Amino acid sequence: MRIFLISACLVLAGMVVSCVNGPAKTAGFDDVRGKEWELTEVISSAGNIVIDRQKPEAGGAADVYTLLIDSDRISGKASPNRYFAPYKLEDGQGISFGAIAGTLMANLNDPGGLQEETYYRLLENTYRWNLAGDRLELFTKDSGGTDAKLTYREKL
């Protein structure tokens, strides 16, 4: 009986806290927009595309692949070039990016295993976004049509 009373009190306390704090907040696109994000990994169902962040960070290029989403377009850095493209939000967490345009500076070194054109194609094939804690996930298809995921962390 005592365990039942303790359990009932805990449930009741949880309901009171929930009422005071309101319903749990779900991530909306406003939690993504206006922040700069750093690419931390690319995962493909065919295998990981490794991004060795230590290599570019040691060379002073910590922001090798970045993404900024504003009200009507994306922009960022893609080792060493700058890029931009329009985007469109779709039902639920759907999103699509238009053709990527960017600068044409020469890249003389490997910035961590991911090639710039591969990154652009992954962005252009993106179909869904998700905010998992402090990580932005973009779901996409690689050049072979295999599912892939770009994971970013907020740039501080």
N, C-alpha and C. Protein backbone atom coordinates (compact mmCIF):
# COMPACT_ATOMS: atom_id res chain seq x y z
N MET A 1 0.82 -1.18 0.00
CA MET A 1 0.00 0.00 0.00
C MET A 1 0.87 1.25 0.00
N ARG A 2 1.94 1.20 0.78
CA ARG A 2 2.83 2.36 0.88
C ARG A 2 3.46 2.67 -0.48
N ILE A 3 3.89 1.65 -1.22
CA ILE A 3 4.49 1.86 -2.55
C ILE A 3 3.47 2.47 -3.48
N PHE A 4 2.21 2.02 -3.39
CA PHE A 4 1.15 2.59 -4.22
C PHE A 4 0.97 4.08 -3.94
N LEU A 5 0.95 4.46 -2.66
CA LEU A 5 0.78 5.86 -2.30
C LEU A 5 1.96 6.72 -2.78
N ILE A 6 3.16 6.19 -2.64
CA ILE A 6 4.35 6.93 -3.11
C ILE A 6 4.28 7.09 -4.63
N SER A 7 3.92 6.03 -5.34
CA SER A 7 3.81 6.09 -6.79
C SER A 7 2.74 7.08 -7.23
N ALA A 8 1.60 7.06 -6.54
CA ALA A 8 0.51 7.98 -6.86
C ALA A 8 0.95 9.43 -6.63
N CYS A 9 1.69 9.68 -5.57
CA CYS A 9 2.17 11.04 -5.29
C CYS A 9 3.15 11.50 -6.35
N LEU A 10 4.02 10.62 -6.79
CA LEU A 10 4.99 10.98 -7.84
C LEU A 10 4.28 11.29 -9.16
N VAL A 11 3.29 10.49 -9.50
CA VAL A 11 2.53 10.75 -10.72
C VAL A 11 1.81 12.09 -10.62
N LEU A 12 1.18 12.35 -9.50
CA LEU A 12 0.47 13.60 -9.29
C LEU A 12 1.44 14.79 -9.35
N ALA A 13 2.61 14.65 -8.74
CA ALA A 13 3.62 15.73 -8.77
C ALA A 13 4.07 15.98 -10.21
N GLY A 14 4.26 14.93 -10.97
CA GLY A 14 4.64 15.08 -12.38
C GLY A 14 3.57 15.80 -13.19
N MET A 15 2.30 15.51 -12.89
CA MET A 15 1.20 16.17 -13.59
C MET A 15 1.15 17.65 -13.25
N VAL A 16 1.40 18.00 -11.99
CA VAL A 16 1.41 19.41 -11.57
C VAL A 16 2.54 20.16 -12.26
N VAL A 17 3.73 19.58 -12.28
CA VAL A 17 4.87 20.22 -12.95
C VAL A 17 4.57 20.39 -14.43
N SER A 18 3.97 19.40 -15.04
CA SER A 18 3.64 19.48 -16.47
C SER A 18 2.64 20.61 -16.72
N CYS A 19 1.66 20.76 -15.86
CA CYS A 19 0.68 21.83 -16.03
C CYS A 19 1.31 23.20 -15.86
N VAL A 20 2.23 23.33 -14.91
CA VAL A 20 2.89 24.61 -14.65
C VAL A 20 3.80 24.98 -15.82
N ASN A 21 4.57 24.02 -16.31
CA ASN A 21 5.53 24.27 -17.38
C ASN A 21 4.90 24.27 -18.77
N GLY A 22 3.72 23.77 -18.89
CA GLY A 22 3.09 23.67 -20.20
C GLY A 22 3.54 22.40 -20.91
N PRO A 23 2.98 22.17 -22.11
CA PRO A 23 3.35 20.96 -22.83
C PRO A 23 4.81 21.02 -23.28
N ALA A 24 5.39 19.84 -23.49
CA ALA A 24 6.78 19.77 -23.94
C ALA A 24 6.91 20.45 -25.30
N LYS A 25 7.97 21.22 -25.47
CA LYS A 25 8.19 21.95 -26.72
C LYS A 25 8.81 21.02 -27.75
N THR A 26 8.23 20.99 -28.93
CA THR A 26 8.83 20.24 -30.01
C THR A 26 9.64 21.20 -30.86
N ALA A 27 10.69 20.69 -31.45
CA ALA A 27 11.58 21.52 -32.26
C ALA A 27 10.85 21.98 -33.51
N GLY A 28 10.93 23.26 -33.75
CA GLY A 28 10.40 23.84 -34.97
C GLY A 28 11.53 24.40 -35.80
N PHE A 29 11.23 24.78 -37.03
CA PHE A 29 12.29 25.26 -37.91
C PHE A 29 12.91 26.56 -37.40
N ASP A 30 12.19 27.31 -36.58
CA ASP A 30 12.78 28.53 -36.00
C ASP A 30 13.95 28.20 -35.07
N ASP A 31 14.01 26.95 -34.58
CA ASP A 31 15.14 26.52 -33.76
C ASP A 31 16.38 26.23 -34.61
N VAL A 32 16.21 26.15 -35.92
CA VAL A 32 17.30 25.86 -36.85
C VAL A 32 17.72 27.14 -37.58
N ARG A 33 16.75 27.89 -38.00
CA ARG A 33 16.98 29.10 -38.81
C ARG A 33 17.76 30.15 -38.02
N GLY A 34 18.69 30.83 -38.72
CA GLY A 34 19.44 31.93 -38.12
C GLY A 34 20.66 31.51 -37.34
N LYS A 35 20.95 30.23 -37.30
CA LYS A 35 22.13 29.73 -36.60
C LYS A 35 23.13 29.20 -37.63
N GLU A 36 24.40 29.29 -37.29
CA GLU A 36 25.41 28.71 -38.17
C GLU A 36 25.76 27.33 -37.62
N TRP A 37 25.81 26.35 -38.53
CA TRP A 37 26.03 24.96 -38.17
C TRP A 37 27.32 24.46 -38.81
N GLU A 38 28.06 23.60 -38.09
CA GLU A 38 29.28 22.97 -38.59
C GLU A 38 28.98 21.50 -38.86
N LEU A 39 29.38 21.02 -40.03
CA LEU A 39 29.21 19.62 -40.36
C LEU A 39 30.15 18.78 -39.51
N THR A 40 29.60 17.77 -38.84
CA THR A 40 30.42 16.90 -37.99
C THR A 40 30.59 15.51 -38.57
N GLU A 41 29.58 15.04 -39.32
CA GLU A 41 29.73 13.72 -39.94
C GLU A 41 28.73 13.54 -41.06
N VAL A 42 29.09 12.65 -41.96
CA VAL A 42 28.20 12.22 -43.03
C VAL A 42 28.12 10.71 -42.92
N ILE A 43 26.91 10.21 -42.79
CA ILE A 43 26.70 8.77 -42.66
C ILE A 43 25.84 8.30 -43.82
N SER A 44 26.32 7.28 -44.50
CA SER A 44 25.59 6.69 -45.61
C SER A 44 25.27 5.25 -45.26
N SER A 45 24.15 4.74 -45.75
CA SER A 45 23.84 3.33 -45.48
C SER A 45 24.85 2.42 -46.17
N ALA A 46 25.60 2.96 -47.15
CA ALA A 46 26.67 2.20 -47.80
C ALA A 46 27.97 2.27 -47.00
N GLY A 47 27.99 3.07 -45.96
CA GLY A 47 29.19 3.23 -45.13
C GLY A 47 29.43 4.70 -44.83
N ASN A 48 30.19 4.96 -43.80
CA ASN A 48 30.46 6.35 -43.40
C ASN A 48 31.35 7.05 -44.40
N ILE A 49 31.06 8.31 -44.65
CA ILE A 49 31.99 9.19 -45.32
C ILE A 49 32.66 9.93 -44.18
N VAL A 50 33.91 9.66 -43.97
CA VAL A 50 34.60 10.17 -42.79
C VAL A 50 35.00 11.62 -42.98
N ILE A 51 34.75 12.41 -41.97
CA ILE A 51 35.24 13.77 -41.93
C ILE A 51 36.19 13.84 -40.74
N ASP A 52 37.47 13.96 -41.02
CA ASP A 52 38.47 14.02 -39.97
C ASP A 52 38.61 15.47 -39.54
N ARG A 53 37.85 15.89 -38.54
CA ARG A 53 37.83 17.29 -38.10
C ARG A 53 39.17 17.72 -37.50
N GLN A 54 39.95 16.78 -36.99
CA GLN A 54 41.23 17.15 -36.38
C GLN A 54 42.20 17.70 -37.42
N LYS A 55 42.18 17.15 -38.62
CA LYS A 55 43.11 17.58 -39.65
C LYS A 55 42.89 19.05 -40.05
N PRO A 56 41.68 19.46 -40.43
CA PRO A 56 41.51 20.87 -40.76
C PRO A 56 41.66 21.80 -39.55
N GLU A 57 41.24 21.35 -38.37
CA GLU A 57 41.37 22.19 -37.18
C GLU A 57 42.84 22.45 -36.86
N ALA A 58 43.70 21.45 -37.07
CA ALA A 58 45.13 21.62 -36.83
C ALA A 58 45.72 22.65 -37.79
N GLY A 59 45.16 22.74 -39.00
CA GLY A 59 45.63 23.70 -39.99
C GLY A 59 44.94 25.05 -39.90
N GLY A 60 44.13 25.26 -38.86
CA GLY A 60 43.46 26.54 -38.67
C GLY A 60 42.18 26.69 -39.48
N ALA A 61 41.62 25.59 -39.96
CA ALA A 61 40.40 25.66 -40.78
C ALA A 61 39.29 24.85 -40.11
N ALA A 62 38.90 25.24 -38.92
CA ALA A 62 37.90 24.48 -38.16
C ALA A 62 36.53 24.49 -38.82
N ASP A 63 36.23 25.55 -39.57
CA ASP A 63 34.90 25.65 -40.18
C ASP A 63 34.93 25.23 -41.65
N VAL A 64 35.43 24.04 -41.92
CA VAL A 64 35.58 23.56 -43.28
C VAL A 64 34.23 23.47 -44.00
N TYR A 65 33.20 22.91 -43.37
CA TYR A 65 31.87 22.82 -43.96
C TYR A 65 30.87 23.42 -42.98
N THR A 66 30.27 24.53 -43.38
CA THR A 66 29.29 25.18 -42.52
C THR A 66 27.98 25.38 -43.28
N LEU A 67 26.93 25.64 -42.53
CA LEU A 67 25.60 25.85 -43.10
C LEU A 67 24.90 26.92 -42.27
N LEU A 68 24.37 27.92 -42.95
CA LEU A 68 23.55 28.95 -42.31
C LEU A 68 22.24 28.98 -43.08
N ILE A 69 21.14 28.87 -42.36
CA ILE A 69 19.82 28.91 -43.00
C ILE A 69 19.15 30.20 -42.56
N ASP A 70 18.87 31.09 -43.51
CA ASP A 70 18.14 32.31 -43.15
C ASP A 70 16.72 32.20 -43.67
N SER A 71 16.04 33.31 -43.86
CA SER A 71 14.61 33.27 -44.19
C SER A 71 14.30 32.71 -45.57
N ASP A 72 15.23 32.84 -46.53
CA ASP A 72 14.90 32.35 -47.88
C ASP A 72 16.02 31.61 -48.59
N ARG A 73 17.19 31.47 -47.94
CA ARG A 73 18.27 30.73 -48.60
C ARG A 73 19.23 30.16 -47.57
N ILE A 74 20.04 29.23 -48.06
CA ILE A 74 21.13 28.69 -47.26
C ILE A 74 22.43 29.28 -47.78
N SER A 75 23.42 29.30 -46.93
CA SER A 75 24.76 29.72 -47.35
C SER A 75 25.75 29.06 -46.41
N GLY A 76 27.01 29.13 -46.79
CA GLY A 76 28.02 28.55 -45.92
C GLY A 76 29.35 28.46 -46.61
N LYS A 77 30.22 27.67 -45.98
CA LYS A 77 31.57 27.46 -46.48
C LYS A 77 31.73 25.98 -46.78
N ALA A 78 32.37 25.69 -47.91
CA ALA A 78 32.62 24.31 -48.31
C ALA A 78 34.05 24.19 -48.80
N SER A 79 34.95 24.27 -47.92
CA SER A 79 36.38 24.05 -48.11
C SER A 79 36.95 24.37 -49.48
N PRO A 80 37.42 25.49 -49.80
CA PRO A 80 37.45 26.75 -49.08
C PRO A 80 36.37 27.70 -49.59
N ASN A 81 35.54 27.22 -50.49
CA ASN A 81 34.59 28.09 -51.18
C ASN A 81 33.36 28.44 -50.35
N ARG A 82 32.76 29.55 -50.69
CA ARG A 82 31.47 29.97 -50.14
C ARG A 82 30.39 29.52 -51.11
N TYR A 83 29.23 29.16 -50.58
CA TYR A 83 28.13 28.72 -51.43
C TYR A 83 26.81 29.30 -50.93
N PHE A 84 25.79 29.22 -51.80
CA PHE A 84 24.44 29.62 -51.41
C PHE A 84 23.45 28.94 -52.33
N ALA A 85 22.20 28.86 -51.87
CA ALA A 85 21.13 28.26 -52.66
C ALA A 85 19.79 28.60 -52.00
N PRO A 86 18.72 28.62 -52.79
CA PRO A 86 17.39 28.79 -52.18
C PRO A 86 16.95 27.48 -51.51
N TYR A 87 15.99 27.59 -50.63
CA TYR A 87 15.41 26.38 -50.05
C TYR A 87 13.90 26.54 -49.92
N LYS A 88 13.24 25.41 -49.76
CA LYS A 88 11.78 25.41 -49.62
C LYS A 88 11.40 24.42 -48.53
N LEU A 89 10.61 24.89 -47.56
CA LEU A 89 10.07 23.99 -46.54
C LEU A 89 8.85 23.29 -47.11
N GLU A 90 8.69 22.03 -46.77
CA GLU A 90 7.56 21.24 -47.24
C GLU A 90 6.81 20.69 -46.04
N ASP A 91 5.80 19.89 -46.27
CA ASP A 91 4.98 19.34 -45.19
C ASP A 91 5.83 18.66 -44.13
N GLY A 92 5.39 18.79 -42.88
CA GLY A 92 6.11 18.16 -41.77
C GLY A 92 7.51 18.71 -41.66
N GLN A 93 8.47 17.84 -41.75
CA GLN A 93 9.87 18.25 -41.67
C GLN A 93 10.55 18.15 -43.03
N GLY A 94 9.76 18.24 -44.08
CA GLY A 94 10.32 18.20 -45.43
C GLY A 94 11.05 19.49 -45.77
N ILE A 95 12.12 19.37 -46.51
CA ILE A 95 12.89 20.53 -46.97
C ILE A 95 13.61 20.14 -48.26
N SER A 96 13.74 21.10 -49.15
CA SER A 96 14.52 20.86 -50.37
C SER A 96 15.35 22.10 -50.65
N PHE A 97 16.52 21.88 -51.21
CA PHE A 97 17.43 22.95 -51.56
C PHE A 97 17.53 23.03 -53.07
N GLY A 98 17.63 24.27 -53.59
CA GLY A 98 17.82 24.46 -55.02
C GLY A 98 19.27 24.21 -55.41
N ALA A 99 19.57 24.51 -56.67
CA ALA A 99 20.93 24.33 -57.18
C ALA A 99 21.89 25.22 -56.40
N ILE A 100 23.02 24.65 -56.04
CA ILE A 100 24.03 25.37 -55.26
C ILE A 100 24.92 26.19 -56.19
N ALA A 101 25.13 27.43 -55.84
CA ALA A 101 26.07 28.31 -56.53
C ALA A 101 27.18 28.65 -55.54
N GLY A 102 28.40 28.81 -56.05
CA GLY A 102 29.48 29.10 -55.12
C GLY A 102 30.68 29.73 -55.81
N THR A 103 31.63 30.11 -54.97
CA THR A 103 32.87 30.68 -55.48
C THR A 103 33.74 29.55 -56.03
N LEU A 104 34.79 29.91 -56.73
CA LEU A 104 35.62 28.91 -57.42
C LEU A 104 37.09 29.00 -57.01
N MET A 105 37.36 29.13 -55.73
CA MET A 105 38.75 29.13 -55.28
C MET A 105 39.31 27.72 -55.34
N ALA A 106 40.59 27.61 -55.66
CA ALA A 106 41.24 26.31 -55.75
C ALA A 106 41.40 25.70 -54.36
N ASN A 107 41.17 24.41 -54.28
CA ASN A 107 41.38 23.68 -53.04
C ASN A 107 42.60 22.80 -53.24
N LEU A 108 43.68 23.12 -52.56
CA LEU A 108 44.92 22.40 -52.76
C LEU A 108 45.17 21.29 -51.75
N ASN A 109 44.29 21.14 -50.80
CA ASN A 109 44.48 20.07 -49.81
C ASN A 109 43.17 19.37 -49.54
N ASP A 110 43.26 18.20 -48.96
CA ASP A 110 42.08 17.41 -48.58
C ASP A 110 41.59 17.91 -47.23
N PRO A 111 40.41 18.55 -47.19
CA PRO A 111 39.95 19.14 -45.93
C PRO A 111 39.27 18.16 -44.99
N GLY A 112 39.63 16.91 -45.03
CA GLY A 112 39.08 15.99 -44.05
C GLY A 112 38.31 14.84 -44.65
N GLY A 113 38.46 14.55 -45.93
CA GLY A 113 37.86 13.36 -46.50
C GLY A 113 36.61 13.58 -47.33
N LEU A 114 35.99 14.73 -47.27
CA LEU A 114 34.77 14.99 -48.03
C LEU A 114 35.09 16.00 -49.12
N GLN A 115 34.72 15.68 -50.34
CA GLN A 115 34.96 16.58 -51.45
C GLN A 115 33.81 17.58 -51.57
N GLU A 116 34.14 18.78 -51.98
CA GLU A 116 33.17 19.87 -52.07
C GLU A 116 31.98 19.52 -52.96
N GLU A 117 32.23 18.96 -54.13
CA GLU A 117 31.12 18.62 -55.04
C GLU A 117 30.21 17.56 -54.45
N THR A 118 30.79 16.61 -53.72
CA THR A 118 29.98 15.58 -53.05
C THR A 118 29.08 16.24 -52.01
N TYR A 119 29.62 17.19 -51.27
CA TYR A 119 28.83 17.91 -50.27
C TYR A 119 27.68 18.65 -50.93
N TYR A 120 27.96 19.35 -52.03
CA TYR A 120 26.91 20.09 -52.75
C TYR A 120 25.80 19.15 -53.22
N ARG A 121 26.16 17.99 -53.77
CA ARG A 121 25.15 17.04 -54.25
C ARG A 121 24.31 16.51 -53.09
N LEU A 122 24.95 16.25 -51.96
CA LEU A 122 24.20 15.79 -50.80
C LEU A 122 23.19 16.85 -50.35
N LEU A 123 23.61 18.11 -50.33
CA LEU A 123 22.67 19.17 -49.97
C LEU A 123 21.52 19.24 -50.97
N GLU A 124 21.83 19.18 -52.26
CA GLU A 124 20.79 19.30 -53.29
C GLU A 124 19.81 18.13 -53.27
N ASN A 125 20.20 17.00 -52.69
CA ASN A 125 19.32 15.83 -52.61
C ASN A 125 18.62 15.71 -51.26
N THR A 126 18.75 16.72 -50.42
CA THR A 126 18.13 16.69 -49.08
C THR A 126 16.61 16.73 -49.20
N TYR A 127 15.94 15.92 -48.39
CA TYR A 127 14.47 15.87 -48.42
C TYR A 127 13.82 16.05 -47.05
N ARG A 128 14.61 15.96 -45.95
CA ARG A 128 14.02 16.08 -44.62
C ARG A 128 15.06 16.59 -43.63
N TRP A 129 14.59 17.34 -42.64
CA TRP A 129 15.46 17.83 -41.57
C TRP A 129 14.94 17.33 -40.24
N ASN A 130 15.82 17.31 -39.23
CA ASN A 130 15.43 16.93 -37.88
C ASN A 130 16.39 17.62 -36.91
N LEU A 131 15.88 18.03 -35.78
CA LEU A 131 16.71 18.58 -34.72
C LEU A 131 16.70 17.56 -33.59
N ALA A 132 17.84 16.91 -33.36
CA ALA A 132 17.97 15.88 -32.33
C ALA A 132 18.87 16.43 -31.23
N GLY A 133 18.26 16.98 -30.20
CA GLY A 133 19.03 17.63 -29.15
C GLY A 133 19.68 18.88 -29.71
N ASP A 134 21.00 18.93 -29.69
CA ASP A 134 21.71 20.09 -30.24
C ASP A 134 22.29 19.80 -31.61
N ARG A 135 21.85 18.74 -32.25
CA ARG A 135 22.36 18.34 -33.56
C ARG A 135 21.29 18.53 -34.64
N LEU A 136 21.69 19.16 -35.73
CA LEU A 136 20.83 19.28 -36.91
C LEU A 136 21.16 18.13 -37.83
N GLU A 137 20.13 17.40 -38.24
CA GLU A 137 20.30 16.28 -39.15
C GLU A 137 19.56 16.60 -40.45
N LEU A 138 20.26 16.42 -41.57
CA LEU A 138 19.65 16.54 -42.89
C LEU A 138 19.69 15.18 -43.55
N PHE A 139 18.53 14.69 -43.95
CA PHE A 139 18.42 13.38 -44.59
C PHE A 139 18.43 13.58 -46.09
N THR A 140 19.25 12.79 -46.78
CA THR A 140 19.51 13.01 -48.19
C THR A 140 19.77 11.68 -48.89
N LYS A 141 20.12 11.77 -50.16
CA LYS A 141 20.53 10.60 -50.96
C LYS A 141 21.89 10.93 -51.56
N ASP A 142 22.79 9.93 -51.58
CA ASP A 142 24.07 10.18 -52.23
C ASP A 142 23.92 10.00 -53.74
N SER A 143 25.01 10.13 -54.47
CA SER A 143 24.94 10.09 -55.94
C SER A 143 24.41 8.76 -56.48
N GLY A 144 24.54 7.69 -55.70
CA GLY A 144 24.03 6.39 -56.10
C GLY A 144 22.60 6.14 -55.64
N GLY A 145 21.96 7.13 -55.01
CA GLY A 145 20.59 6.97 -54.54
C GLY A 145 20.49 6.33 -53.17
N THR A 146 21.61 6.13 -52.50
CA THR A 146 21.63 5.52 -51.18
C THR A 146 21.31 6.57 -50.11
N ASP A 147 20.51 6.18 -49.12
CA ASP A 147 20.18 7.10 -48.03
C ASP A 147 21.45 7.54 -47.30
N ALA A 148 21.48 8.81 -46.93
CA ALA A 148 22.61 9.37 -46.20
C ALA A 148 22.08 10.42 -45.23
N LYS A 149 22.92 10.77 -44.26
CA LYS A 149 22.54 11.78 -43.28
C LYS A 149 23.73 12.69 -43.01
N LEU A 150 23.49 14.00 -43.11
CA LEU A 150 24.48 15.01 -42.74
C LEU A 150 24.15 15.43 -41.32
N THR A 151 25.12 15.42 -40.43
CA THR A 151 24.90 15.84 -39.05
C THR A 151 25.75 17.06 -38.76
N TYR A 152 25.12 18.08 -38.18
CA TYR A 152 25.78 19.34 -37.86
C TYR A 152 25.65 19.63 -36.38
N ARG A 153 26.57 20.42 -35.86
CA ARG A 153 26.45 20.98 -34.52
C ARG A 153 26.45 22.50 -34.67
N GLU A 154 25.81 23.17 -33.74
CA GLU A 154 25.77 24.62 -33.80
C GLU A 154 27.17 25.18 -33.60
N LYS A 155 27.55 26.08 -34.48
CA LYS A 155 28.86 26.71 -34.38
C LYS A 155 28.81 27.77 -33.30
N LEU A 156 29.73 27.69 -32.37
CA LEU A 156 29.75 28.63 -31.26
C LEU A 156 30.66 29.80 -31.52
